[in-house]
PDB file of N, CA and C in Angstrom:
ATOM      1  N   UNK A   1       0.683  -1.042  -0.048  1.00  0.00           N
ATOM      2  CA  UNK A   1      -0.040   0.026   0.338  1.00  0.00           C
ATOM      3  C   UNK A   1       0.795   1.258  -0.075  1.00  0.00           C
ATOM      4  N   UNK A   2       1.898   1.259   0.767  1.00  0.00           N
ATOM      5  CA  UNK A   2       2.843   2.177   0.550  1.00  0.00           C
ATOM      6  C   UNK A   2       3.429   2.373  -0.047  1.00  0.00           C
ATOM      7  N   UNK A   3       3.590   1.564  -0.733  1.00  0.00           N
ATOM      8  CA  UNK A   3       4.401   1.446  -2.424  1.00  0.00           C
ATOM      9  C   UNK A   3       3.913   1.961  -3.263  1.00  0.00           C
ATOM     10  N   UNK A   4       2.320   1.639  -3.594  1.00  0.00           N
ATOM     11  CA  UNK A   4       1.515   2.100  -4.479  1.00  0.00           C
ATOM     12  C   UNK A   4       1.660   3.430  -4.181  1.00  0.00           C
ATOM     13  N   UNK A   5       1.212   4.221  -3.093  1.00  0.00           N
ATOM     14  CA  UNK A   5       1.037   5.978  -2.718  1.00  0.00           C
ATOM     15  C   UNK A   5       2.383   6.406  -3.337  1.00  0.00           C
ATOM     16  N   UNK A   6       3.384   5.730  -2.773  1.00  0.00           N
ATOM     17  CA  UNK A   6       4.695   6.505  -3.327  1.00  0.00           C
ATOM     18  C   UNK A   6       5.100   6.493  -4.611  1.00  0.00           C
ATOM     19  N   UNK A   7       4.578   5.302  -5.291  1.00  0.00           N
ATOM     20  CA  UNK A   7       5.172   5.073  -6.530  1.00  0.00           C
ATOM     21  C   UNK A   7       4.641   5.794  -7.664  1.00  0.00           C
ATOM     22  N   UNK A   8       2.889   5.396  -7.115  1.00  0.00           N
ATOM     23  CA  UNK A   8       2.299   5.720  -8.372  1.00  0.00           C
ATOM     24  C   UNK A   8       1.280   6.961  -7.912  1.00  0.00           C
ATOM     25  N   UNK A   9       0.850   7.117  -6.994  1.00  0.00           N
ATOM     26  CA  UNK A   9      -0.513   8.378  -6.438  1.00  0.00           C
ATOM     27  C   UNK A   9       0.206   9.386  -6.201  1.00  0.00           C
ATOM     28  N   UNK A  10       1.238   9.830  -5.529  1.00  0.00           N
ATOM     29  CA  UNK A  10       2.049  10.628  -5.144  1.00  0.00           C
ATOM     30  C   UNK A  10       2.778  11.252  -6.475  1.00  0.00           C
ATOM     31  N   UNK A  11       3.367  10.832  -7.248  1.00  0.00           N
ATOM     32  CA  UNK A  11       4.120  11.027  -8.390  1.00  0.00           C
ATOM     33  C   UNK A  11       2.781  11.536  -9.367  1.00  0.00           C
ATOM     34  N   UNK A  12       1.513  11.127  -9.564  1.00  0.00           N
ATOM     35  CA  UNK A  12       0.391  11.482 -10.338  1.00  0.00           C
ATOM     36  C   UNK A  12      -0.563  12.563  -9.992  1.00  0.00           C
ATOM     37  N   UNK A  13      -0.159  12.896  -8.446  1.00  0.00           N
ATOM     38  CA  UNK A  13      -0.742  14.050  -7.625  1.00  0.00           C
ATOM     39  C   UNK A  13       0.040  14.857  -7.971  1.00  0.00           C
ATOM     40  N   UNK A  14       1.492  15.036  -8.124  1.00  0.00           N
ATOM     41  CA  UNK A  14       2.558  16.153  -8.662  1.00  0.00           C
ATOM     42  C   UNK A  14       2.392  16.317  -9.593  1.00  0.00           C
ATOM     43  N   UNK A  15       2.154  15.102 -10.482  1.00  0.00           N
ATOM     44  CA  UNK A  15       1.988  15.999 -12.297  1.00  0.00           C
ATOM     45  C   UNK A  15       0.694  16.643 -12.317  1.00  0.00           C
ATOM     46  N   UNK A  16      -0.224  16.041 -11.304  1.00  0.00           N
ATOM     47  CA  UNK A  16      -1.626  16.794 -11.861  1.00  0.00           C
ATOM     48  C   UNK A  16      -1.650  18.552 -11.124  1.00  0.00           C
ATOM     49  N   UNK A  17      -0.990  18.658  -9.825  1.00  0.00           N
ATOM     50  CA  UNK A  17      -0.413  20.039  -9.252  1.00  0.00           C
ATOM     51  C   UNK A  17       0.415  20.905 -10.353  1.00  0.00           C
ATOM     52  N   UNK A  18       1.307  19.783 -11.253  1.00  0.00           N
ATOM     53  CA  UNK A  18       1.658  21.074 -12.427  1.00  0.00           C
ATOM     54  C   UNK A  18       1.422  21.420 -13.454  1.00  0.00           C
ATOM     55  N   UNK A  19       0.756  20.425 -13.606  1.00  0.00           N
ATOM     56  CA  UNK A  19      -0.387  20.466 -14.930  1.00  0.00           C
ATOM     57  C   UNK A  19      -1.448  21.845 -14.509  1.00  0.00           C
ATOM     58  N   UNK A  20      -2.148  21.329 -13.328  1.00  0.00           N
ATOM     59  CA  UNK A  20      -2.975  22.521 -13.075  1.00  0.00           C
ATOM     60  C   UNK A  20      -2.617  23.986 -12.727  1.00  0.00           C
ATOM     61  N   UNK A  21      -0.936  24.057 -12.093  1.00  0.00           N
ATOM     62  CA  UNK A  21      -0.481  25.359 -12.070  1.00  0.00           C
ATOM     63  C   UNK A  21      -0.276  26.232 -13.270  1.00  0.00           C
ATOM     64  N   UNK A  22       0.476  25.324 -14.114  1.00  0.00           N
ATOM     65  CA  UNK A  22       0.583  25.380 -15.817  1.00  0.00           C
ATOM     66  C   UNK A  22      -0.357  26.617 -16.715  1.00  0.00           C
ATOM     67  N   UNK A  23      -1.351  25.636 -16.459  1.00  0.00           N
ATOM     68  CA  UNK A  23      -2.911  26.240 -17.072  1.00  0.00           C
ATOM     69  C   UNK A  23      -3.422  27.516 -16.473  1.00  0.00           C
ATOM     70  N   UNK A  24      -3.125  27.240 -14.928  1.00  0.00           N
ATOM     71  CA  UNK A  24      -3.360  28.584 -14.474  1.00  0.00           C
ATOM     72  C   UNK A  24      -2.554  29.786 -14.622  1.00  0.00           C
ATOM     73  N   UNK A  25      -1.394  29.741 -14.490  1.00  0.00           N
ATOM     74  CA  UNK A  25      -0.285  30.536 -15.202  1.00  0.00           C
ATOM     75  C   UNK A  25      -0.655  30.885 -16.929  1.00  0.00           C
ATOM     76  N   UNK A  26      -0.864  30.124 -17.092  1.00  0.00           N
ATOM     77  CA  UNK A  26      -0.896  30.551 -18.630  1.00  0.00           C
ATOM     78  C   UNK A  26      -2.319  31.288 -18.874  1.00  0.00           C
ATOM     79  N   UNK A  27      -3.192  30.513 -18.166  1.00  0.00           N
ATOM     80  CA  UNK A  27      -4.590  31.450 -18.578  1.00  0.00           C
ATOM     81  C   UNK A  27      -4.813  32.973 -17.784  1.00  0.00           C
ATOM     82  N   UNK A  28      -3.807  33.120 -16.697  1.00  0.00           N
ATOM     83  CA  UNK A  28      -4.283  34.268 -15.702  1.00  0.00           C
ATOM     84  C   UNK A  28      -3.655  35.360 -16.116  1.00  0.00           C
ATOM     85  N   UNK A  29      -2.242  34.945 -17.028  1.00  0.00           N
ATOM     86  CA  UNK A  29      -0.890  35.620 -17.198  1.00  0.00           C
ATOM     87  C   UNK A  29      -1.241  36.232 -18.569  1.00  0.00           C
ATOM     88  N   UNK A  30      -0.992  37.810 -18.679  1.00  0.00           N
ATOM     89  CA  UNK A  30      -0.807  38.410 -20.347  1.00  0.00           C
ATOM     90  C   UNK A  30       0.085  37.311 -20.944  1.00  0.00           C
ATOM     91  N   UNK A  31      -0.186  37.399 -22.285  1.00  0.00           N
ATOM     92  CA  UNK A  31       1.067  36.744 -23.213  1.00  0.00           C
ATOM     93  C   UNK A  31       1.893  37.720 -23.180  1.00  0.00           C
ATOM     94  N   UNK A  32       2.359  38.889 -23.195  1.00  0.00           N
ATOM     95  CA  UNK A  32       3.427  39.651 -22.819  1.00  0.00           C
ATOM     96  C   UNK A  32       3.726  39.767 -21.919  1.00  0.00           C
ATOM     97  N   UNK A  33       3.498  39.079 -20.837  1.00  0.00           N
ATOM     98  CA  UNK A  33       4.258  39.115 -19.213  1.00  0.00           C
ATOM     99  C   UNK A  33       4.347  37.763 -18.621  1.00  0.00           C
ATOM    100  N   UNK A  34       4.436  37.063 -19.536  1.00  0.00           N
ATOM    101  CA  UNK A  34       4.812  35.407 -18.945  1.00  0.00           C
ATOM    102  C   UNK A  34       5.530  34.803 -18.555  1.00  0.00           C
ATOM    103  N   UNK A  35       7.291  36.220 -18.471  1.00  0.00           N
ATOM    104  CA  UNK A  35       7.629  35.776 -17.718  1.00  0.00           C
ATOM    105  C   UNK A  35       8.133  34.980 -16.381  1.00  0.00           C
ATOM    106  N   UNK A  36       8.481  34.077 -16.628  1.00  0.00           N
ATOM    107  CA  UNK A  36       8.404  33.182 -14.851  1.00  0.00           C
ATOM    108  C   UNK A  36       9.340  33.404 -14.505  1.00  0.00           C
ATOM    109  N   UNK A  37       9.638  33.774 -13.132  1.00  0.00           N
ATOM    110  CA  UNK A  37      10.709  33.869 -12.532  1.00  0.00           C
ATOM    111  C   UNK A  37      11.805  32.748 -11.842  1.00  0.00           C
ATOM    112  N   UNK A  38      12.974  32.882 -11.680  1.00  0.00           N
ATOM    113  CA  UNK A  38      13.843  31.859 -11.293  1.00  0.00           C
ATOM    114  C   UNK A  38      13.111  30.702 -10.284  1.00  0.00           C
ATOM    115  N   UNK A  39      12.895  31.472  -9.470  1.00  0.00           N
ATOM    116  CA  UNK A  39      12.553  30.858  -7.954  1.00  0.00           C
ATOM    117  C   UNK A  39      11.254  29.550  -8.238  1.00  0.00           C
ATOM    118  N   UNK A  40      10.132  30.637  -9.537  1.00  0.00           N
ATOM    119  CA  UNK A  40       8.896  29.483  -9.745  1.00  0.00           C
ATOM    120  C   UNK A  40       9.665  28.216 -10.380  1.00  0.00           C
ATOM    121  N   UNK A  41      10.342  28.296 -11.425  1.00  0.00           N
ATOM    122  CA  UNK A  41      11.305  27.276 -12.487  1.00  0.00           C
ATOM    123  C   UNK A  41      12.062  26.437 -11.161  1.00  0.00           C
ATOM    124  N   UNK A  42      12.546  26.843 -10.396  1.00  0.00           N
ATOM    125  CA  UNK A  42      12.975  26.054  -9.594  1.00  0.00           C
ATOM    126  C   UNK A  42      12.296  24.906  -8.894  1.00  0.00           C
ATOM    127  N   UNK A  43      10.965  25.451  -8.276  1.00  0.00           N
ATOM    128  CA  UNK A  43      10.380  24.395  -7.566  1.00  0.00           C
ATOM    129  C   UNK A  43       9.553  24.017  -8.515  1.00  0.00           C
ATOM    130  N   UNK A  44       8.958  24.341  -9.628  1.00  0.00           N
ATOM    131  CA  UNK A  44       8.658  23.426 -11.036  1.00  0.00           C
ATOM    132  C   UNK A  44       9.534  22.321 -11.172  1.00  0.00           C
ATOM    133  N   UNK A  45      10.860  22.250 -11.691  1.00  0.00           N
ATOM    134  CA  UNK A  45      11.541  21.597 -11.525  1.00  0.00           C
ATOM    135  C   UNK A  45      11.900  20.521 -10.416  1.00  0.00           C
ATOM    136  N   UNK A  46      11.853  20.895  -9.389  1.00  0.00           N
ATOM    137  CA  UNK A  46      12.036  20.352  -8.157  1.00  0.00           C
ATOM    138  C   UNK A  46      11.402  18.994  -7.776  1.00  0.00           C
ATOM    139  N   UNK A  47       9.399  19.974  -8.040  1.00  0.00           N
ATOM    140  CA  UNK A  47       8.403  18.968  -7.707  1.00  0.00           C
ATOM    141  C   UNK A  47       8.460  18.074  -8.955  1.00  0.00           C
ATOM    142  N   UNK A  48       8.797  18.143 -10.421  1.00  0.00           N
ATOM    143  CA  UNK A  48       8.861  17.691 -11.431  1.00  0.00           C
ATOM    144  C   UNK A  48       9.888  16.215 -11.615  1.00  0.00           C
ATOM    145  N   UNK A  49      10.852  16.761 -10.905  1.00  0.00           N
ATOM    146  CA  UNK A  49      11.958  15.680 -10.582  1.00  0.00           C
ATOM    147  C   UNK A  49      11.430  14.823  -9.306  1.00  0.00           C
ATOM    148  N   UNK A  50      11.188  15.295  -8.259  1.00  0.00           N
ATOM    149  CA  UNK A  50      10.605  14.102  -7.295  1.00  0.00           C
ATOM    150  C   UNK A  50       9.410  13.093  -8.225  1.00  0.00           C
ATOM    151  N   UNK A  51       8.797  13.856  -9.093  1.00  0.00           N
ATOM    152  CA  UNK A  51       7.941  12.776  -9.588  1.00  0.00           C
ATOM    153  C   UNK A  51       8.443  11.617 -10.325  1.00  0.00           C
ATOM    154  N   UNK A  52       9.549  12.343 -11.312  1.00  0.00           N
ATOM    155  CA  UNK A  52      10.307  11.244 -12.201  1.00  0.00           C
ATOM    156  C   UNK A  52      11.320  10.203 -10.987  1.00  0.00           C
ATOM    157  N   UNK A  53      11.752  10.799  -9.729  1.00  0.00           N
ATOM    158  CA  UNK A  53      12.552  10.437  -8.982  1.00  0.00           C
ATOM    159  C   UNK A  53      11.611   8.709  -8.563  1.00  0.00           C
ATOM    160  N   UNK A  54      10.384   9.635  -8.206  1.00  0.00           N
ATOM    161  CA  UNK A  54       9.592   8.379  -7.526  1.00  0.00           C
ATOM    162  C   UNK A  54       9.204   6.915  -8.311  1.00  0.00           C
ATOM    163  N   UNK A  55       8.455   7.501  -9.663  1.00  0.00           N
ATOM    164  CA  UNK A  55       8.067   7.191 -10.748  1.00  0.00           C
ATOM    165  C   UNK A  55       9.233   5.949 -11.434  1.00  0.00           C
ATOM    166  N   UNK A  56      10.798   6.023 -11.124  1.00  0.00           N
ATOM    167  CA  UNK A  56      11.697   5.580 -11.756  1.00  0.00           C
ATOM    168  C   UNK A  56      12.152   4.506 -10.580  1.00  0.00           C
ATOM    169  N   UNK A  57      11.421   4.737  -9.625  1.00  0.00           N
ATOM    170  CA  UNK A  57      11.854   3.812  -8.455  1.00  0.00           C
ATOM    171  C   UNK A  57      11.047   3.051  -8.321  1.00  0.00           C
ATOM    172  N   UNK A  58       9.949   3.489  -8.799  1.00  0.00           N
ATOM    173  CA  UNK A  58       8.685   2.386  -8.887  1.00  0.00           C
ATOM    174  C   UNK A  58       8.585   1.274  -9.696  1.00  0.00           C
ATOM    175  N   UNK A  59       9.042   1.877 -11.072  1.00  0.00           N
ATOM    176  CA  UNK A  59       9.005   1.264 -12.066  1.00  0.00           C
ATOM    177  C   UNK A  59      10.249   0.117 -11.474  1.00  0.00           C
ATOM    178  N   UNK A  60      11.641   0.464 -11.411  1.00  0.00           N
ATOM    179  CA  UNK A  60      12.642  -0.425 -11.475  1.00  0.00           C
ATOM    180  C   UNK A  60      12.314  -1.406 -10.232  1.00  0.00           C
ATOM    181  N   UNK A  61      11.555  -1.122  -9.249  1.00  0.00           N
ATOM    182  CA  UNK A  61      11.033  -2.355  -8.027  1.00  0.00           C
ATOM    183  C   UNK A  61      10.050  -3.177  -8.721  1.00  0.00           C
ATOM    184  N   UNK A  62       9.267  -2.924  -9.787  1.00  0.00           N
ATOM    185  CA  UNK A  62       8.242  -3.661 -10.437  1.00  0.00           C
ATOM    186  C   UNK A  62       9.242  -4.562 -11.369  1.00  0.00           C
ATOM    187  N   UNK A  63      10.101  -3.953 -11.684  1.00  0.00           N
ATOM    188  CA  UNK A  63      10.903  -5.010 -12.802  1.00  0.00           C
ATOM    189  C   UNK A  63      12.053  -5.873 -12.244  1.00  0.00           C
ATOM    190  N   UNK A  64      12.334  -5.445 -10.584  1.00  0.00           N
ATOM    191  CA  UNK A  64      13.374  -5.761 -10.054  1.00  0.00           C
ATOM    192  C   UNK A  64      12.953  -7.218  -9.155  1.00  0.00           C
ATOM    193  N   UNK A  65      11.645  -6.813  -8.848  1.00  0.00           N
ATOM    194  CA  UNK A  65      11.015  -8.058  -7.677  1.00  0.00           C
ATOM    195  C   UNK A  65      10.032  -8.610  -8.155  1.00  0.00           C
ATOM    196  N   UNK A  66       9.606  -8.681  -9.007  1.00  0.00           N
ATOM    197  CA  UNK A  66       8.451  -9.435 -10.133  1.00  0.00           C
ATOM    198  C   UNK A  66       8.970 -10.782 -10.100  1.00  0.00           C
ATOM    199  N   UNK A  67       7.825 -11.956 -10.329  1.00  0.00           N
ATOM    200  CA  UNK A  67       8.170 -13.139 -10.372  1.00  0.00           C
ATOM    201  C   UNK A  67       8.133 -13.529 -11.521  1.00  0.00           C
ATOM    202  N   UNK A  68       8.379 -14.706 -12.070  1.00  0.00           N
ATOM    203  CA  UNK A  68       8.528 -15.382 -13.199  1.00  0.00           C
ATOM    204  C   UNK A  68       6.582 -15.808 -13.458  1.00  0.00           C
ATOM    205  N   UNK A  69       5.998 -16.335 -14.907  1.00  0.00           N
ATOM    206  CA  UNK A  69       4.703 -16.614 -15.124  1.00  0.00           C
ATOM    207  C   UNK A  69       4.197 -15.296 -15.950  1.00  0.00           C
ATOM    208  N   UNK A  70       3.449 -16.053 -16.845  1.00  0.00           N
ATOM    209  CA  UNK A  70       2.504 -14.789 -17.237  1.00  0.00           C
ATOM    210  C   UNK A  70       1.363 -13.688 -16.600  1.00  0.00           C
ATOM    211  N   UNK A  71       0.769 -14.855 -15.874  1.00  0.00           N
ATOM    212  CA  UNK A  71      -0.184 -13.964 -14.751  1.00  0.00           C
ATOM    213  C   UNK A  71       0.546 -13.004 -13.733  1.00  0.00           C
ATOM    214  N   UNK A  72       1.812 -12.976 -13.353  1.00  0.00           N
ATOM    215  CA  UNK A  72       2.306 -11.897 -12.608  1.00  0.00           C
ATOM    216  C   UNK A  72       2.783 -10.690 -13.529  1.00  0.00           C
ATOM    217  N   UNK A  73       3.328 -11.141 -14.639  1.00  0.00           N
ATOM    218  CA  UNK A  73       3.529 -10.199 -15.602  1.00  0.00           C
ATOM    219  C   UNK A  73       2.391  -9.175 -16.437  1.00  0.00           C
ATOM    220  N   UNK A  74       1.113  -9.910 -16.582  1.00  0.00           N
ATOM    221  CA  UNK A  74      -0.312  -9.326 -16.954  1.00  0.00           C
ATOM    222  C   UNK A  74      -0.677  -8.594 -15.486  1.00  0.00           C
ATOM    223  N   UNK A  75      -0.517  -8.420 -14.363  1.00  0.00           N
ATOM    224  CA  UNK A  75      -0.912  -7.747 -13.649  1.00  0.00           C
ATOM    225  C   UNK A  75       0.107  -6.886 -13.290  1.00  0.00           C
ATOM    226  N   UNK A  76       1.217  -6.614 -13.143  1.00  0.00           N
ATOM    227  CA  UNK A  76       2.482  -5.966 -13.170  1.00  0.00           C
ATOM    228  C   UNK A  76       2.371  -4.814 -14.415  1.00  0.00           C
ATOM    229  N   UNK A  77       1.909  -5.348 -15.854  1.00  0.00           N
ATOM    230  CA  UNK A  77       1.765  -4.262 -16.780  1.00  0.00           C
ATOM    231  C   UNK A  77       1.155  -3.140 -16.549  1.00  0.00           C
ATOM    232  N   UNK A  78       0.141  -3.024 -16.214  1.00  0.00           N
ATOM    233  CA  UNK A  78      -0.691  -1.783 -15.820  1.00  0.00           C
ATOM    234  C   UNK A  78       0.254  -0.978 -14.827  1.00  0.00           C
ATOM    235  N   UNK A  79       0.582  -1.385 -14.144  1.00  0.00           N
ATOM    236  CA  UNK A  79       0.872  -0.377 -12.826  1.00  0.00           C
ATOM    237  C   UNK A  79       2.745  -0.063 -13.650  1.00  0.00           C
ATOM    238  N   UNK A  80       3.729  -0.798 -14.320  1.00  0.00           N
ATOM    239  CA  UNK A  80       4.455  -0.207 -14.509  1.00  0.00           C
ATOM    240  C   UNK A  80       4.427   0.660 -16.073  1.00  0.00           C
ATOM    241  N   UNK A  81       3.194   0.452 -16.656  1.00  0.00           N
ATOM    242  CA  UNK A  81       2.980   1.646 -17.443  1.00  0.00           C
ATOM    243  C   UNK A  81       2.673   2.693 -17.232  1.00  0.00           C
ATOM    244  N   UNK A  82       1.832   2.738 -15.679  1.00  0.00           N
ATOM    245  CA  UNK A  82       1.457   4.163 -15.008  1.00  0.00           C
ATOM    246  C   UNK A  82       2.898   4.469 -14.803  1.00  0.00           C
ATOM    247  N   UNK A  83       3.673   3.868 -13.911  1.00  0.00           N
ATOM    248  CA  UNK A  83       5.220   4.432 -13.451  1.00  0.00           C
ATOM    249  C   UNK A  83       5.866   5.209 -14.598  1.00  0.00           C
ATOM    250  N   UNK A  84       5.968   4.294 -15.853  1.00  0.00           N
ATOM    251  CA  UNK A  84       6.691   4.992 -17.113  1.00  0.00           C
ATOM    252  C   UNK A  84       6.031   6.212 -17.792  1.00  0.00           C
ATOM    253  N   UNK A  85       4.812   6.402 -17.616  1.00  0.00           N
ATOM    254  CA  UNK A  85       3.875   7.353 -18.456  1.00  0.00           C
ATOM    255  C   UNK A  85       4.103   8.756 -17.130  1.00  0.00           C
ATOM    256  N   UNK A  86       4.299   8.343 -15.608  1.00  0.00           N
ATOM    257  CA  UNK A  86       4.475   9.494 -14.918  1.00  0.00           C
ATOM    258  C   UNK A  86       5.664   9.748 -14.815  1.00  0.00           C
ATOM    259  N   UNK A  87       6.532   9.048 -15.088  1.00  0.00           N
ATOM    260  CA  UNK A  87       7.933   9.736 -15.669  1.00  0.00           C
ATOM    261  C   UNK A  87       8.185  10.296 -16.408  1.00  0.00           C
ATOM    262  N   UNK A  88       7.525  10.286 -17.688  1.00  0.00           N
ATOM    263  CA  UNK A  88       7.513  11.350 -18.859  1.00  0.00           C
ATOM    264  C   UNK A  88       7.029  12.416 -18.648  1.00  0.00           C
ATOM    265  N   UNK A  89       5.921  12.516 -17.825  1.00  0.00           N
ATOM    266  CA  UNK A  89       5.062  14.151 -17.803  1.00  0.00           C
ATOM    267  C   UNK A  89       5.506  14.894 -17.479  1.00  0.00           C
ATOM    268  N   UNK A  90       6.257  15.070 -16.076  1.00  0.00           N
ATOM    269  CA  UNK A  90       6.686  16.445 -15.690  1.00  0.00           C
ATOM    270  C   UNK A  90       7.785  16.926 -17.120  1.00  0.00           C
ATOM    271  N   UNK A  91       8.595  15.980 -17.321  1.00  0.00           N
ATOM    272  CA  UNK A  91       9.161  16.605 -18.748  1.00  0.00           C
ATOM    273  C   UNK A  91       8.667  17.363 -19.759  1.00  0.00           C
ATOM    274  N   UNK A  92       7.328  16.423 -20.433  1.00  0.00           N
ATOM    275  CA  UNK A  92       6.807  16.998 -21.349  1.00  0.00           C
ATOM    276  C   UNK A  92       6.323  18.384 -20.763  1.00  0.00           C
ATOM    277  N   UNK A  93       5.321  18.622 -19.539  1.00  0.00           N
ATOM    278  CA  UNK A  93       5.045  19.745 -19.145  1.00  0.00           C
ATOM    279  C   UNK A  93       5.924  21.002 -18.940  1.00  0.00           C
ATOM    280  N   UNK A  94       7.067  20.599 -18.774  1.00  0.00           N
ATOM    281  CA  UNK A  94       8.186  21.589 -18.447  1.00  0.00           C
ATOM    282  C   UNK A  94       8.505  22.037 -19.853  1.00  0.00           C
ATOM    283  N   UNK A  95       8.624  21.112 -21.006  1.00  0.00           N
ATOM    284  CA  UNK A  95       8.639  21.917 -22.339  1.00  0.00           C
ATOM    285  C   UNK A  95       7.290  22.476 -23.010  1.00  0.00           C
ATOM    286  N   UNK A  96       6.274  22.192 -22.602  1.00  0.00           N
ATOM    287  CA  UNK A  96       5.119  22.848 -22.838  1.00  0.00           C
ATOM    288  C   UNK A  96       5.102  24.476 -21.933  1.00  0.00           C
ATOM    289  N   UNK A  97       5.157  24.239 -20.895  1.00  0.00           N
ATOM    290  CA  UNK A  97       5.827  25.656 -20.431  1.00  0.00           C
ATOM    291  C   UNK A  97       6.311  26.594 -20.984  1.00  0.00           C
ATOM    292  N   UNK A  98       8.047  26.210 -21.590  1.00  0.00           N
ATOM    293  CA  UNK A  98       8.956  26.937 -22.052  1.00  0.00           C
ATOM    294  C   UNK A  98       8.378  27.060 -23.663  1.00  0.00           C
ATOM    295  N   UNK A  99       7.633  26.365 -24.469  1.00  0.00           N
ATOM    296  CA  UNK A  99       7.256  26.539 -25.873  1.00  0.00           C
ATOM    297  C   UNK A  99       5.891  27.777 -25.844  1.00  0.00           C
ATOM    298  N   UNK A 100       5.120  27.410 -24.441  1.00  0.00           N
ATOM    299  CA  UNK A 100       3.829  28.688 -24.366  1.00  0.00           C
ATOM    300  C   UNK A 100       4.326  29.919 -23.887  1.00  0.00           C
ATOM    301  N   UNK A 101       5.019  29.998 -23.151  1.00  0.00           N
ATOM    302  CA  UNK A 101       5.549  31.294 -22.252  1.00  0.00           C
ATOM    303  C   UNK A 101       6.020  32.408 -23.144  1.00  0.00           C
TER     304      UNK A 101
END
């Protein structure tokens, strides 16, 4: 239960928070004033990095501790896909913010 929270739910919540902040920032700031301060960028980078680290660790744990057999692999596959998607979302969000600002 703790592994699923830290490995899947927390990175998903961090990614959702990043996406909501980016949408809010882009919607409430005029296009000519969208310059983001260094402090905000550092916080976003740290939160995205935490999501990436937690997701990578959970994906590694799924691959390293998995048993053999097709049933076990079929049960782990959705969790592994979730971990890998959570790993790539912060990078995509940061690139989107840099492109749209």
